[in-house]
Amino acid sequence: MGRAEYYTDPDQVMVPTGTPHGLTLVGYSLGLDLMVAEDAFVRLEGRTFHGVDAVFNDVHGSTHDNTAITVSTAVRF
């Protein structure tokens, strides 16, 4: 399952960034749900965001992009 997102807050009401365009970004994600046992599930998800301004931080300073890969588990009882 996948999805695309668009978020904009040019007046920086919800998320103050101090950048010229506020928080304006596009995001994409792709997820995979696996049933590994009758009552146990694993979810794999990859997600990436791209901002008009460099609103994300990494080890090299500010950047326009943020990407994450996550794994989660759930057990039903």
N, C-alpha and C. Protein backbone atom coordinates (compact mmCIF):
# COMPACT_ATOMS: atom_id res chain seq x y z
N MET A 1 0.84 -1.16 0.00
CA MET A 1 0.00 0.00 0.00
C MET A 1 0.90 1.24 0.00
N GLY A 2 0.56 2.23 -0.77
CA GLY A 2 1.34 3.45 -0.82
C GLY A 2 0.45 4.67 -0.76
N ARG A 3 1.08 5.80 -0.56
CA ARG A 3 0.33 7.05 -0.55
C ARG A 3 1.26 8.22 -0.84
N ALA A 4 0.67 9.32 -1.26
CA ALA A 4 1.39 10.57 -1.49
C ALA A 4 0.74 11.65 -0.62
N GLU A 5 1.56 12.57 -0.14
CA GLU A 5 1.07 13.65 0.73
C GLU A 5 1.63 14.99 0.26
N TYR A 6 0.87 16.03 0.49
CA TYR A 6 1.33 17.39 0.23
C TYR A 6 0.93 18.23 1.43
N TYR A 7 1.86 18.99 1.97
CA TYR A 7 1.56 19.83 3.12
C TYR A 7 2.16 21.20 2.88
N THR A 8 1.39 22.24 3.19
CA THR A 8 1.91 23.60 3.08
C THR A 8 1.40 24.45 4.24
N ASP A 9 2.31 25.21 4.82
CA ASP A 9 2.00 26.14 5.90
C ASP A 9 2.88 27.38 5.66
N PRO A 10 2.59 28.15 4.59
CA PRO A 10 3.45 29.26 4.23
C PRO A 10 3.51 30.36 5.29
N ASP A 11 2.45 30.51 6.08
CA ASP A 11 2.43 31.54 7.12
C ASP A 11 3.02 31.05 8.44
N GLN A 12 3.44 29.78 8.46
CA GLN A 12 4.10 29.18 9.62
C GLN A 12 3.25 29.26 10.88
N VAL A 13 1.95 28.96 10.72
CA VAL A 13 1.03 28.97 11.84
C VAL A 13 1.19 27.70 12.68
N MET A 14 1.23 26.55 12.02
CA MET A 14 1.33 25.26 12.73
C MET A 14 2.78 24.85 12.98
N VAL A 15 3.66 25.11 12.02
CA VAL A 15 5.06 24.69 12.12
C VAL A 15 5.96 25.87 11.77
N PRO A 16 6.48 26.58 12.77
CA PRO A 16 7.40 27.69 12.48
C PRO A 16 8.77 27.16 12.06
N THR A 17 9.20 27.51 10.85
CA THR A 17 10.50 27.05 10.35
C THR A 17 11.51 28.18 10.21
N GLY A 18 11.03 29.41 10.09
CA GLY A 18 11.95 30.52 9.87
C GLY A 18 12.52 30.55 8.46
N THR A 19 11.93 29.81 7.54
CA THR A 19 12.39 29.77 6.15
C THR A 19 11.48 30.61 5.27
N PRO A 20 11.93 30.98 4.08
CA PRO A 20 11.12 31.87 3.22
C PRO A 20 9.74 31.31 2.85
N HIS A 21 9.60 30.01 2.66
CA HIS A 21 8.34 29.43 2.21
C HIS A 21 7.59 28.71 3.33
N GLY A 22 8.04 28.83 4.56
CA GLY A 22 7.41 28.08 5.64
C GLY A 22 7.64 26.60 5.44
N LEU A 23 6.73 25.80 5.90
CA LEU A 23 6.84 24.35 5.68
C LEU A 23 5.99 23.98 4.48
N THR A 24 6.63 23.69 3.37
CA THR A 24 5.96 23.22 2.17
C THR A 24 6.71 21.98 1.72
N LEU A 25 6.01 20.83 1.72
CA LEU A 25 6.70 19.60 1.35
C LEU A 25 5.77 18.61 0.69
N VAL A 26 6.39 17.66 0.01
CA VAL A 26 5.73 16.55 -0.64
C VAL A 26 6.31 15.28 -0.03
N GLY A 27 5.45 14.30 0.23
CA GLY A 27 5.93 13.05 0.80
C GLY A 27 5.32 11.85 0.11
N TYR A 28 6.07 10.76 0.12
CA TYR A 28 5.63 9.50 -0.45
C TYR A 28 5.96 8.38 0.52
N SER A 29 5.08 7.38 0.58
CA SER A 29 5.39 6.23 1.42
C SER A 29 4.88 4.96 0.74
N LEU A 30 5.55 3.87 1.07
CA LEU A 30 5.17 2.57 0.56
C LEU A 30 5.30 1.58 1.71
N GLY A 31 4.23 0.82 1.98
CA GLY A 31 4.23 -0.09 3.10
C GLY A 31 3.86 -1.50 2.68
N LEU A 32 4.32 -2.46 3.46
CA LEU A 32 4.02 -3.86 3.23
C LEU A 32 3.68 -4.50 4.56
N ASP A 33 2.48 -5.08 4.66
CA ASP A 33 2.04 -5.77 5.87
C ASP A 33 2.16 -7.27 5.64
N LEU A 34 2.83 -7.95 6.55
CA LEU A 34 3.03 -9.39 6.45
C LEU A 34 2.45 -10.08 7.68
N MET A 35 1.66 -11.12 7.47
CA MET A 35 1.18 -11.91 8.59
C MET A 35 2.19 -13.06 8.76
N VAL A 36 2.99 -13.00 9.83
CA VAL A 36 4.04 -13.99 10.05
C VAL A 36 3.55 -15.18 10.87
N ALA A 37 2.44 -15.06 11.54
CA ALA A 37 1.77 -16.12 12.27
C ALA A 37 0.30 -15.75 12.34
N GLU A 38 -0.52 -16.64 12.87
CA GLU A 38 -1.96 -16.39 12.90
C GLU A 38 -2.32 -15.08 13.59
N ASP A 39 -1.62 -14.74 14.64
CA ASP A 39 -1.91 -13.52 15.40
C ASP A 39 -0.71 -12.57 15.49
N ALA A 40 0.20 -12.64 14.55
CA ALA A 40 1.38 -11.77 14.57
C ALA A 40 1.62 -11.17 13.18
N PHE A 41 1.90 -9.88 13.19
CA PHE A 41 2.09 -9.14 11.94
C PHE A 41 3.39 -8.33 11.99
N VAL A 42 3.98 -8.15 10.82
CA VAL A 42 5.15 -7.28 10.67
C VAL A 42 4.81 -6.28 9.57
N ARG A 43 5.13 -5.02 9.82
CA ARG A 43 4.91 -3.97 8.81
C ARG A 43 6.24 -3.35 8.46
N LEU A 44 6.55 -3.31 7.17
CA LEU A 44 7.74 -2.64 6.64
C LEU A 44 7.26 -1.39 5.92
N GLU A 45 7.91 -0.26 6.16
CA GLU A 45 7.49 0.98 5.51
C GLU A 45 8.70 1.83 5.15
N GLY A 46 8.68 2.34 3.95
CA GLY A 46 9.66 3.32 3.50
C GLY A 46 8.94 4.62 3.24
N ARG A 47 9.53 5.72 3.70
CA ARG A 47 8.87 7.02 3.57
C ARG A 47 9.92 8.07 3.26
N THR A 48 9.59 9.00 2.37
CA THR A 48 10.49 10.09 2.05
C THR A 48 9.70 11.40 1.92
N PHE A 49 10.32 12.48 2.37
CA PHE A 49 9.75 13.82 2.26
C PHE A 49 10.74 14.72 1.54
N HIS A 50 10.23 15.65 0.75
CA HIS A 50 11.06 16.66 0.09
C HIS A 50 10.43 18.02 0.35
N GLY A 51 11.22 18.93 0.92
CA GLY A 51 10.75 20.28 1.22
C GLY A 51 11.24 21.29 0.21
N VAL A 52 10.45 22.33 -0.01
CA VAL A 52 10.87 23.43 -0.88
C VAL A 52 12.10 24.12 -0.28
N ASP A 53 12.10 24.32 1.03
CA ASP A 53 13.26 24.87 1.75
C ASP A 53 13.94 23.73 2.51
N ALA A 54 15.15 23.95 2.93
CA ALA A 54 15.91 22.96 3.70
C ALA A 54 15.43 23.00 5.16
N VAL A 55 14.38 22.22 5.46
CA VAL A 55 13.77 22.25 6.79
C VAL A 55 14.15 21.04 7.65
N PHE A 56 14.88 20.09 7.08
CA PHE A 56 15.29 18.90 7.83
C PHE A 56 16.76 19.02 8.21
N ASN A 57 17.14 18.43 9.32
CA ASN A 57 18.53 18.44 9.77
C ASN A 57 19.14 17.06 9.63
N ASP A 58 20.40 17.01 9.23
CA ASP A 58 21.16 15.77 9.25
C ASP A 58 22.57 16.08 9.74
N VAL A 59 23.47 15.14 9.66
CA VAL A 59 24.82 15.33 10.20
C VAL A 59 25.61 16.39 9.45
N HIS A 60 25.18 16.75 8.24
CA HIS A 60 25.88 17.75 7.43
C HIS A 60 25.22 19.12 7.49
N GLY A 61 24.17 19.28 8.29
CA GLY A 61 23.46 20.55 8.38
C GLY A 61 22.03 20.40 7.89
N SER A 62 21.50 21.45 7.30
CA SER A 62 20.11 21.44 6.81
C SER A 62 20.03 20.81 5.43
N THR A 63 18.92 20.13 5.17
CA THR A 63 18.72 19.48 3.88
C THR A 63 17.25 19.56 3.48
N HIS A 64 16.98 19.37 2.21
CA HIS A 64 15.62 19.41 1.68
C HIS A 64 14.89 18.07 1.83
N ASP A 65 15.63 16.99 2.08
CA ASP A 65 15.05 15.65 2.05
C ASP A 65 15.18 14.92 3.38
N ASN A 66 14.20 14.06 3.65
CA ASN A 66 14.22 13.21 4.83
C ASN A 66 13.63 11.86 4.43
N THR A 67 14.37 10.79 4.66
CA THR A 67 13.93 9.45 4.30
C THR A 67 14.07 8.54 5.50
N ALA A 68 13.10 7.66 5.69
CA ALA A 68 13.15 6.70 6.80
C ALA A 68 12.60 5.35 6.33
N ILE A 69 13.18 4.30 6.87
CA ILE A 69 12.69 2.94 6.68
C ILE A 69 12.40 2.40 8.07
N THR A 70 11.18 1.93 8.29
CA THR A 70 10.78 1.46 9.61
C THR A 70 10.23 0.03 9.53
N VAL A 71 10.36 -0.67 10.64
CA VAL A 71 9.81 -2.00 10.82
C VAL A 71 9.04 -1.99 12.13
N SER A 72 7.82 -2.49 12.13
CA SER A 72 7.05 -2.59 13.36
C SER A 72 6.38 -3.96 13.43
N THR A 73 6.08 -4.37 14.65
CA THR A 73 5.41 -5.65 14.86
C THR A 73 4.15 -5.45 15.69
N ALA A 74 3.21 -6.34 15.50
CA ALA A 74 1.98 -6.32 16.29
C ALA A 74 1.55 -7.75 16.58
N VAL A 75 1.07 -7.96 17.79
CA VAL A 75 0.58 -9.26 18.19
C VAL A 75 -0.84 -9.10 18.71
N ARG A 76 -1.71 -9.94 18.24
CA ARG A 76 -3.11 -9.90 18.65
C ARG A 76 -3.35 -11.04 19.65
N PHE A 77 -3.98 -10.71 20.78
CA PHE A 77 -4.30 -11.75 21.78
C PHE A 77 -5.59 -11.44 22.49
